[in-house]
Structure formats: structure tokens, C-alpha cells
Amino acid sequence: MGAYPSSEVVPGDVVKMIAGDRVGADIRLMSVSGLRIDESSLTGESVPVHKHELAIEKHDVALGDQENMAFMGSMVTQGSGMGLVVGTGMKTEMGKIAHLLQETENLVTPLQRRLEQLGKTLITVALLLTALVVVIGLLQGHDLRTMFISGVSLAVAAIPEGLPAIVTVALALGVQRMIKRKGIVRKLPAVETLGCASVICSDKTGTLTQNKMTVKQLWSGNEFIHVSGSGFDLAGDFTKENMPLSVESHPSISRLLSYGALCSNASFIEKETKKKKKQSLILDGDPTEGALVMAAMKAGFLKSSLEENYRRIVEFPFDSTRKMMSIIVKDPQGRSYVITKGAPDIVAAKCVRLSLTEEQNHFHLNGIKR
């Protein structure tokens, strides 16, 4: 959202977005350049959506199909764009969801409904029996005060005080049985409902994953290099045929990792965790590009240092037509390079030869089409 905080944005403002920005309002896009936005918080789609500025002629378009809109709370993963603010605060799609959450009613489980019905039945029966005992005692000539105390005592004794404890213990045992079946239950009353289910239908696992990707294997010099570690963790080694590998002694691998980090718009931000009191790396950008940057960091190549030596001149963002991203950089000697990453079949189709020498192990591209 540029240098302006989202709290100061009002309808009618024109804002610019680049990779790494979090959208602070609902925006009608006016111009885009390879813009992709992660809308998983709104639509549940784990894949970033490709955006355009064209008008949509249909009416009542679903939220996930409004490709000419950028919504509040979503994250720009690739490219850039500019648009007109059309909604802020509670008037955004995210605001509508927040309003619905405030109006939702807590649903009760079948077990809770049956226990409530059982409680009403027991109270009704206890009151009837109490009244019957009092009436019979008065007819037999007993004192009213004595019969009233006897009726109240009978009513209190008729209510099973241990019922809540028994139900809680039974549900706790059910939770333990569900754990053995690798099922996690957040609320005890849900055990009875889940235990009655025979078929569970679930959507894709986008909300169950950590949205982290890791480079596990490199191909360089007609050889495969394995990379250990997982997620966005700097711990990891490079091995070839189960033997440790020094990246510094292999210029081709160094070039491959550094070029992968340069040809990406992702970066990592250090953030101190409250519990462990240590620095953790938070990704700012697309997870795929973050995996490339992290692989370079494992070899000791920081993206900030690389960008100081290789100044980016032009960027051709990834789009569904080209299926690859290209940048033109200039080294300290003033030489210009074209670095490209993308779909293997598209990149390989543009190659005219492959040099397998250790000094010059890289693709020679037959031109880069914008």
C-alpha cells in the first residue's frame, strides 16, 4: 500500500501495490503487471489468483471470480498493480465476514439438546412428586410446615447432581479414544456428534498445511545435489552421493543458488518470538520464491548482498502466458545478464545448448520473449 497506512485510506484514493504488500482496502484494479494475490483468507484458495484490469460483464459474480478486484486482508505475492479504493473498514468483503461472525449463534450438539430435555423432564417430575407428597401428607393430617420441608427435600434429592460429572468423564474417555484414531476434538460435546459420523467430507488441505516450501534437490553439471532441512529454517546441508558438499568449491552450484535468489521478489524478515526469545524468519512474498531464497541462504548467499552486486534493471514478471519470470541485472563490471526461472518445459524449449563445464554450467537462452 506504499507509504500510507491503511487507516488513512478512504474511498476514491488511488493506491499502488507491489509484491509483499498486504491490501488494506477493497480496490478496483486499473492497471496490473503480472499481479498475483493470495486470497486464501477469503476464499480458501491456496494458489495466488492472477489479476487483470478488464471489466467483468456478468452480474452476481462470486468472490473468487472477481479477478479485477483486490480485497482487504489479501497479500500481493507477485507483480504490481494500481487501483481505486472502493471500500474500507466494515464495508469491505473482510468487514462483511467480521459482521457475520458477530451475529452467529452458538449451535448446540445433539447431546446437549438431549441433556437439556432430560433436565426439564426431571424437574417437572420432581415438582409433580413434591406437590403430590405435600397434598397426601396434608390429607393425612400432617403439619403444613413439615410436609413443605419434606417436599423440598424430595425435590432436591430427585435431581441427579452427579450427572454433569458422569457426562464429562464419558466425553473425556471418548476424546482419548479419538486421539488413538488420530482425531483431534476441540470441544468435549463434539465427541458424541463426531462419534456418530460414518463419513467425513473435507475440502483440500490448504488450511491444514503451513504454506512452506523447501528446495530438496538441485541439478547442476549433470549431477543431482541433495539439500537437507525443511521449511524456512537455515539448518541444512548440501550432499552429493551421501557425501558432504562444499558449495564454495563448486562455482556452478553457487551460480545456480545465487541466480535463483536474484530472480525472485521474496524476502525474509527477522522477528523475535515471545515464547522462545529468539529470532525467527518470516516470509514476505511467494512461498515458491521463498524456498529459492532460503536455499541460497543455506549456502551463505544473502539476497541483500547479492542485490548490491547485481543491480536489477528490468523485470518481466511471471504470467500464465510466458510461464516464466525474467530479470536483467548488471554486475559490478558493468556486464548485463538475463536470469530466468519458470516451467521446465518452457525454459528448456528456449535453450540451444547446455554447457556442463564447472566454470560455465548454465543455460544459454535463445532470446527472452517478453
Protein backbone atom coordinates (compact mmCIF):
# COMPACT_ATOMS: atom_id res chain seq x y z
CA MET A 1 0.00 0.00 0.00
CA GLY A 2 3.01 2.19 -0.42
CA ALA A 3 3.94 4.65 2.36
CA TYR A 4 0.34 5.26 3.52
CA PRO A 5 -1.12 3.22 6.42
CA SER A 6 -4.43 1.53 5.69
CA SER A 7 -6.14 3.56 8.43
CA GLU A 8 -5.70 6.71 6.33
CA VAL A 9 -7.05 5.24 3.08
CA VAL A 10 -10.55 6.38 2.06
CA PRO A 11 -12.79 5.50 -0.92
CA GLY A 12 -11.64 7.33 -4.01
CA ASP A 13 -7.91 7.08 -3.26
CA VAL A 14 -5.62 5.63 -5.91
CA VAL A 15 -3.08 3.25 -4.41
CA LYS A 16 -0.21 1.20 -5.81
CA MET A 17 0.63 -2.35 -4.76
CA ILE A 18 3.83 -4.33 -5.15
CA ALA A 19 4.90 -7.83 -4.13
CA GLY A 20 4.89 -8.23 -0.34
CA ASP A 21 2.17 -5.62 0.32
CA ARG A 22 -0.94 -6.50 2.29
CA VAL A 23 -4.05 -4.96 0.74
CA GLY A 24 -5.68 -2.55 3.21
CA ALA A 25 -8.97 -1.93 1.39
CA ASP A 26 -11.19 -3.26 -1.40
CA ILE A 27 -9.66 -1.94 -4.63
CA ARG A 28 -10.89 -1.90 -8.22
CA LEU A 29 -7.77 -2.55 -10.29
CA MET A 30 -6.98 -0.11 -13.08
CA SER A 31 -3.58 -1.39 -14.25
CA VAL A 32 -1.61 -4.52 -13.42
CA SER A 33 1.75 -6.05 -14.30
CA GLY A 34 1.86 -9.78 -13.60
CA LEU A 35 -0.18 -9.21 -10.43
CA ARG A 36 -0.96 -12.24 -8.30
CA ILE A 37 -2.73 -12.01 -4.94
CA ASP A 38 -3.13 -14.63 -2.23
CA GLU A 39 -6.82 -14.62 -1.23
CA SER A 40 -6.75 -17.75 0.92
CA SER A 41 -8.07 -15.83 3.94
CA LEU A 42 -11.24 -15.01 1.98
CA THR A 43 -11.84 -17.84 -0.48
CA GLY A 44 -9.70 -20.67 0.93
CA GLU A 45 -7.80 -20.99 -2.35
CA SER A 46 -4.19 -21.88 -1.57
CA VAL A 47 -2.94 -20.75 -5.01
CA PRO A 48 -2.49 -16.99 -5.67
CA VAL A 49 -5.04 -15.55 -8.10
CA HIS A 50 -3.92 -13.91 -11.35
CA LYS A 51 -5.48 -10.42 -11.55
CA HIS A 52 -6.40 -8.20 -14.51
CA GLU A 53 -7.93 -4.76 -15.01
CA LEU A 54 -10.64 -5.73 -17.52
CA ALA A 55 -14.32 -5.24 -16.75
CA ILE A 56 -16.46 -8.27 -15.91
CA GLU A 57 -19.80 -8.20 -17.73
CA LYS A 58 -21.55 -10.83 -15.59
CA HIS A 59 -23.76 -9.99 -12.63
CA ASP A 60 -23.60 -11.51 -9.16
CA VAL A 61 -20.03 -12.70 -9.68
CA ALA A 62 -18.68 -14.91 -6.91
CA LEU A 63 -15.94 -13.50 -4.72
CA GLY A 64 -13.32 -15.89 -6.07
CA ASP A 65 -14.14 -14.92 -9.67
CA GLN A 66 -13.75 -11.16 -9.24
CA GLU A 67 -10.31 -11.10 -10.86
CA ASN A 68 -10.35 -7.32 -11.36
CA MET A 69 -10.60 -6.65 -7.62
CA ALA A 70 -8.10 -6.69 -4.77
CA PHE A 71 -9.66 -7.36 -1.39
CA MET A 72 -8.71 -6.19 2.07
CA GLY A 73 -6.60 -8.68 4.03
CA SER A 74 -5.15 -10.42 0.96
CA MET A 75 -1.42 -10.48 0.18
CA VAL A 76 0.33 -9.47 -3.05
CA THR A 77 2.70 -12.31 -3.95
CA GLN A 78 3.89 -11.29 -7.42
CA GLY A 79 3.91 -8.33 -9.76
CA SER A 80 2.47 -4.92 -9.15
CA GLY A 81 -0.77 -3.04 -9.72
CA MET A 82 -2.67 0.19 -9.23
CA GLY A 83 -6.32 0.68 -8.42
CA LEU A 84 -9.13 2.78 -6.98
CA VAL A 85 -10.29 2.23 -3.41
CA VAL A 86 -14.00 1.33 -3.38
CA GLY A 87 -14.47 0.10 0.18
CA THR A 88 -12.83 0.40 3.59
CA GLY A 89 -13.41 -0.95 7.08
CA MET A 90 -16.67 -2.83 7.62
CA LYS A 91 -17.78 -2.05 4.05
CA THR A 92 -15.15 -4.41 2.64
CA GLU A 93 -15.64 -8.12 1.99
CA MET A 94 -13.50 -8.86 5.02
CA GLY A 95 -15.67 -6.46 7.05
CA LYS A 96 -18.79 -8.33 5.94
CA ILE A 97 -17.29 -11.58 7.20
CA ALA A 98 -16.47 -9.93 10.54
CA HIS A 99 -20.07 -8.69 10.78
CA LEU A 100 -21.42 -12.19 10.12
CA LEU A 101 -19.14 -13.64 12.79
CA GLN A 102 -20.56 -11.19 15.33
CA GLU A 103 -24.11 -12.29 14.53
CA THR A 104 -23.51 -16.05 14.56
CA GLU A 105 -25.34 -18.11 17.16
CA ASN A 106 -23.65 -20.92 19.04
CA LEU A 107 -25.04 -24.24 17.84
CA VAL A 108 -25.73 -26.96 20.39
CA THR A 109 -24.89 -30.59 19.77
CA PRO A 110 -27.48 -33.40 19.90
CA LEU A 111 -26.05 -34.48 23.26
CA GLN A 112 -26.54 -31.00 24.72
CA ARG A 113 -30.12 -30.90 23.44
CA ARG A 114 -30.90 -34.30 24.98
CA LEU A 115 -29.33 -33.35 28.31
CA GLU A 116 -31.34 -30.13 28.35
CA GLN A 117 -34.52 -32.08 27.61
CA LEU A 118 -33.63 -34.61 30.31
CA GLY A 119 -33.12 -31.82 32.83
CA LYS A 120 -36.51 -30.30 32.08
CA THR A 121 -38.17 -33.70 32.40
CA LEU A 122 -36.52 -34.42 35.75
CA ILE A 123 -37.50 -31.01 37.13
CA THR A 124 -41.11 -31.47 36.01
CA VAL A 125 -41.35 -34.96 37.54
CA ALA A 126 -39.69 -33.77 40.78
CA LEU A 127 -42.14 -30.87 41.14
CA LEU A 128 -45.14 -33.12 40.50
CA LEU A 129 -43.93 -35.67 43.05
CA THR A 130 -43.24 -32.92 45.57
CA ALA A 131 -46.72 -31.50 45.15
CA LEU A 132 -48.26 -34.98 45.40
CA VAL A 133 -46.37 -35.80 48.60
CA VAL A 134 -47.36 -32.49 50.19
CA VAL A 135 -51.03 -32.97 49.26
CA ILE A 136 -51.13 -36.55 50.54
CA GLY A 137 -49.42 -35.55 53.80
CA LEU A 138 -51.92 -32.75 54.40
CA LEU A 139 -54.82 -35.08 53.74
CA GLN A 140 -53.40 -37.47 56.33
CA GLY A 141 -53.33 -34.63 58.89
CA HIS A 142 -49.62 -33.79 58.98
CA ASP A 143 -48.34 -30.29 59.66
CA LEU A 144 -48.03 -27.98 56.63
CA ARG A 145 -44.51 -26.82 57.58
CA THR A 146 -43.29 -30.38 58.00
CA MET A 147 -44.74 -31.50 54.66
CA PHE A 148 -43.31 -28.46 52.87
CA ILE A 149 -39.79 -29.23 54.14
CA SER A 150 -40.23 -32.90 53.19
CA GLY A 151 -41.37 -31.94 49.69
CA VAL A 152 -38.42 -29.60 49.14
CA SER A 153 -36.00 -32.29 50.37
CA LEU A 154 -37.57 -34.80 47.99
CA ALA A 155 -37.29 -32.38 45.08
CA VAL A 156 -33.60 -31.72 45.78
CA ALA A 157 -32.87 -35.43 46.13
CA ALA A 158 -34.64 -36.23 42.84
CA ILE A 159 -32.20 -34.13 40.79
CA PRO A 160 -29.07 -36.19 39.87
CA GLU A 161 -26.17 -33.94 40.94
CA GLY A 162 -23.57 -36.36 39.62
CA LEU A 163 -24.95 -36.32 36.06
CA PRO A 164 -22.67 -33.49 34.75
CA ALA A 165 -19.60 -35.19 36.21
CA ILE A 166 -20.56 -38.54 34.69
CA VAL A 167 -21.15 -36.96 31.28
CA THR A 168 -17.80 -35.11 31.43
CA VAL A 169 -15.92 -38.30 32.31
CA ALA A 170 -17.65 -40.21 29.50
CA LEU A 171 -16.78 -37.50 26.97
CA ALA A 172 -13.17 -37.36 28.20
CA LEU A 173 -12.86 -41.08 27.60
CA GLY A 174 -14.29 -40.51 24.14
CA VAL A 175 -11.61 -37.89 23.46
CA GLN A 176 -8.90 -40.40 24.39
CA ARG A 177 -10.36 -42.96 22.01
CA MET A 178 -10.49 -40.36 19.24
CA ILE A 179 -6.82 -39.49 19.85
CA LYS A 180 -5.88 -43.13 19.35
CA ARG A 181 -7.64 -42.90 15.97
CA LYS A 182 -5.66 -39.72 15.18
CA GLY A 183 -8.66 -37.46 15.58
CA ILE A 184 -8.45 -34.13 17.41
CA VAL A 185 -11.53 -32.71 19.15
CA ARG A 186 -11.57 -29.11 20.41
CA LYS A 187 -14.78 -29.26 22.45
CA LEU A 188 -15.94 -32.17 24.59
CA PRO A 189 -19.62 -32.08 23.48
CA ALA A 190 -18.49 -32.58 19.87
CA VAL A 191 -17.20 -36.08 20.69
CA GLU A 192 -20.70 -37.54 20.71
CA THR A 193 -21.59 -35.91 17.38
CA LEU A 194 -18.32 -36.92 15.70
CA GLY A 195 -18.63 -40.42 17.10
CA CYS A 196 -21.94 -40.84 15.28
CA ALA A 197 -20.43 -39.83 11.92
CA SER A 198 -19.68 -42.57 9.41
CA VAL A 199 -18.47 -40.37 6.50
CA ILE A 200 -16.46 -37.12 6.78
CA CYS A 201 -16.27 -34.90 3.67
CA SER A 202 -13.43 -32.40 3.64
CA ASP A 203 -12.09 -29.82 1.21
CA LYS A 204 -8.47 -29.70 0.00
CA THR A 205 -5.77 -29.47 2.65
CA GLY A 206 -4.80 -25.83 2.05
CA THR A 207 -5.82 -24.82 5.57
CA LEU A 208 -4.01 -27.78 7.15
CA THR A 209 -0.56 -27.07 5.71
CA GLN A 210 1.98 -24.46 6.82
CA ASN A 211 2.23 -22.93 3.33
CA LYS A 212 6.00 -23.52 3.37
CA MET A 213 8.05 -24.97 0.52
CA THR A 214 11.60 -26.31 0.57
CA VAL A 215 14.23 -26.95 -2.10
CA LYS A 216 15.19 -30.61 -1.68
CA GLN A 217 17.23 -31.27 -4.81
CA LEU A 218 19.44 -29.35 -7.26
CA TRP A 219 20.65 -30.38 -10.71
CA SER A 220 24.00 -29.00 -11.80
CA GLY A 221 26.76 -30.35 -14.03
CA ASN A 222 24.63 -33.39 -14.92
CA GLU A 223 24.62 -34.30 -11.21
CA PHE A 224 21.99 -34.21 -8.51
CA ILE A 225 22.69 -32.32 -5.28
CA HIS A 226 20.51 -33.08 -2.26
CA VAL A 227 19.54 -30.35 0.20
CA SER A 228 18.52 -31.22 3.77
CA GLY A 229 16.26 -29.27 6.08
CA SER A 230 12.60 -28.35 5.91
CA GLY A 231 10.51 -25.21 5.96
CA PHE A 232 12.03 -21.78 6.38
CA ASP A 233 14.90 -22.96 8.57
CA LEU A 234 18.55 -22.15 7.88
CA ALA A 235 19.63 -25.58 9.14
CA GLY A 236 20.52 -27.67 6.11
CA ASP A 237 23.45 -29.24 4.25
CA PHE A 238 24.32 -29.97 0.63
CA THR A 239 25.29 -33.55 -0.20
CA LYS A 240 26.21 -35.49 -3.33
CA GLU A 241 26.01 -39.27 -3.24
CA ASN A 242 25.61 -39.10 0.55
CA MET A 243 28.86 -37.14 0.87
CA PRO A 244 29.03 -33.56 2.24
CA LEU A 245 29.48 -30.95 -0.47
CA SER A 246 31.17 -27.56 -0.19
CA VAL A 247 29.23 -25.03 -2.24
CA GLU A 248 32.20 -22.64 -2.32
CA SER A 249 34.25 -25.18 -4.28
CA HIS A 250 31.57 -25.60 -6.95
CA PRO A 251 31.03 -22.33 -8.88
CA SER A 252 28.17 -23.82 -10.87
CA ILE A 253 26.14 -24.56 -7.73
CA SER A 254 26.95 -21.15 -6.30
CA ARG A 255 25.77 -19.52 -9.51
CA LEU A 256 22.59 -21.62 -9.56
CA LEU A 257 21.65 -20.70 -5.99
CA SER A 258 22.54 -17.02 -6.28
CA TYR A 259 20.66 -16.64 -9.59
CA GLY A 260 17.61 -18.31 -8.05
CA ALA A 261 17.62 -15.82 -5.17
CA LEU A 262 18.13 -12.85 -7.51
CA CYS A 263 15.28 -13.88 -9.81
CA SER A 264 12.65 -13.64 -7.06
CA ASN A 265 10.76 -10.96 -5.18
CA ALA A 266 10.52 -12.80 -1.87
CA SER A 267 12.50 -11.90 1.22
CA PHE A 268 12.72 -12.90 4.88
CA ILE A 269 12.16 -10.66 7.88
CA GLU A 270 13.65 -11.46 11.28
CA LYS A 271 11.09 -11.43 14.08
CA GLU A 272 11.63 -12.23 17.74
CA THR A 273 9.25 -14.82 19.16
CA LYS A 274 7.78 -14.10 22.61
CA LYS A 275 7.93 -17.65 23.91
CA LYS A 276 11.43 -18.73 22.88
CA LYS A 277 13.00 -15.25 22.90
CA LYS A 278 14.89 -15.92 19.69
CA GLN A 279 14.83 -14.64 16.13
CA SER A 280 12.62 -16.40 13.60
CA LEU A 281 12.38 -15.81 9.87
CA ILE A 282 9.05 -14.62 8.49
CA LEU A 283 8.48 -14.88 4.73
CA ASP A 284 7.46 -11.78 2.83
CA GLY A 285 6.35 -12.94 -0.61
CA ASP A 286 5.50 -16.11 -2.51
CA PRO A 287 6.38 -19.46 -0.81
CA THR A 288 7.94 -20.85 -4.00
CA GLU A 289 10.29 -17.90 -4.34
CA GLY A 290 10.91 -18.04 -0.59
CA ALA A 291 12.17 -21.61 -0.98
CA LEU A 292 14.73 -20.45 -3.56
CA VAL A 293 15.90 -17.59 -1.33
CA MET A 294 16.19 -19.93 1.65
CA ALA A 295 18.25 -22.44 -0.35
CA ALA A 296 20.68 -19.64 -1.23
CA MET A 297 20.81 -18.54 2.42
CA LYS A 298 21.75 -22.08 3.48
CA ALA A 299 24.79 -21.75 1.21
CA GLY A 300 25.67 -18.36 2.70
CA PHE A 301 24.27 -16.14 -0.06
CA LEU A 302 22.17 -13.32 1.37
CA LYS A 303 19.75 -11.74 -1.07
CA SER A 304 20.55 -8.23 0.15
CA SER A 305 24.26 -8.75 -0.59
CA LEU A 306 23.52 -10.26 -3.99
CA GLU A 307 21.33 -7.30 -4.96
CA GLU A 308 24.13 -4.92 -4.04
CA ASN A 309 26.47 -6.63 -6.51
CA TYR A 310 23.87 -7.38 -9.19
CA ARG A 311 21.67 -4.34 -9.78
CA ARG A 312 18.27 -5.19 -11.27
CA ILE A 313 17.48 -3.17 -14.38
CA VAL A 314 14.31 -4.68 -15.85
CA GLU A 315 11.86 -7.29 -14.61
CA PHE A 316 9.45 -9.36 -16.70
CA PRO A 317 7.02 -10.83 -14.11
CA PHE A 318 5.72 -14.37 -14.24
CA ASP A 319 2.38 -14.72 -16.01
CA SER A 320 0.22 -17.53 -17.33
CA THR A 321 1.27 -16.82 -20.94
CA ARG A 322 5.07 -16.79 -20.60
CA LYS A 323 5.09 -19.22 -17.64
CA MET A 324 8.42 -17.82 -16.53
CA MET A 325 9.96 -14.81 -14.83
CA SER A 326 12.96 -12.96 -16.27
CA ILE A 327 15.14 -10.16 -14.97
CA ILE A 328 18.06 -8.22 -16.42
CA VAL A 329 20.84 -7.46 -13.94
CA LYS A 330 24.18 -5.69 -14.20
CA ASP A 331 27.27 -6.85 -12.30
CA PRO A 332 29.96 -4.56 -10.79
CA GLN A 333 31.97 -4.83 -14.05
CA GLY A 334 29.05 -3.37 -15.99
CA ARG A 335 28.12 -6.62 -17.76
CA SER A 336 24.41 -7.38 -18.17
CA TYR A 337 22.85 -10.77 -17.54
CA VAL A 338 19.42 -12.25 -18.15
CA ILE A 339 18.24 -14.58 -15.41
CA THR A 340 15.13 -16.69 -15.99
CA LYS A 341 13.15 -19.13 -13.90
CA GLY A 342 9.89 -20.85 -14.78
CA ALA A 343 8.20 -24.00 -16.02
CA PRO A 344 10.82 -26.59 -17.07
CA ASP A 345 9.22 -27.33 -20.44
CA ILE A 346 9.05 -23.63 -21.35
CA VAL A 347 12.62 -22.81 -20.25
CA ALA A 348 14.08 -25.95 -21.84
CA ALA A 349 12.36 -25.15 -25.15
CA LYS A 350 14.29 -21.88 -25.33
CA CYS A 351 17.68 -23.49 -24.74
CA VAL A 352 20.02 -24.12 -27.69
CA ARG A 353 22.79 -25.85 -25.74
CA LEU A 354 23.84 -26.83 -22.25
CA SER A 355 27.42 -26.37 -21.05
CA LEU A 356 28.49 -28.95 -18.48
CA THR A 357 31.85 -27.41 -17.63
CA GLU A 358 32.35 -26.49 -14.00
CA GLU A 359 33.19 -22.89 -14.84
CA GLN A 360 30.24 -22.23 -17.15
CA ASN A 361 27.42 -24.51 -16.14
CA HIS A 362 24.26 -22.64 -17.10
CA PHE A 363 21.64 -22.50 -19.82
CA HIS A 364 22.30 -20.39 -22.91
CA LEU A 365 18.95 -18.95 -23.86
CA ASN A 366 17.94 -18.25 -27.42
CA GLY A 367 16.44 -14.87 -26.59
CA ILE A 368 13.90 -13.87 -23.96
CA LYS A 369 10.44 -13.06 -25.19
CA ARG A 370 8.54 -10.59 -23.12
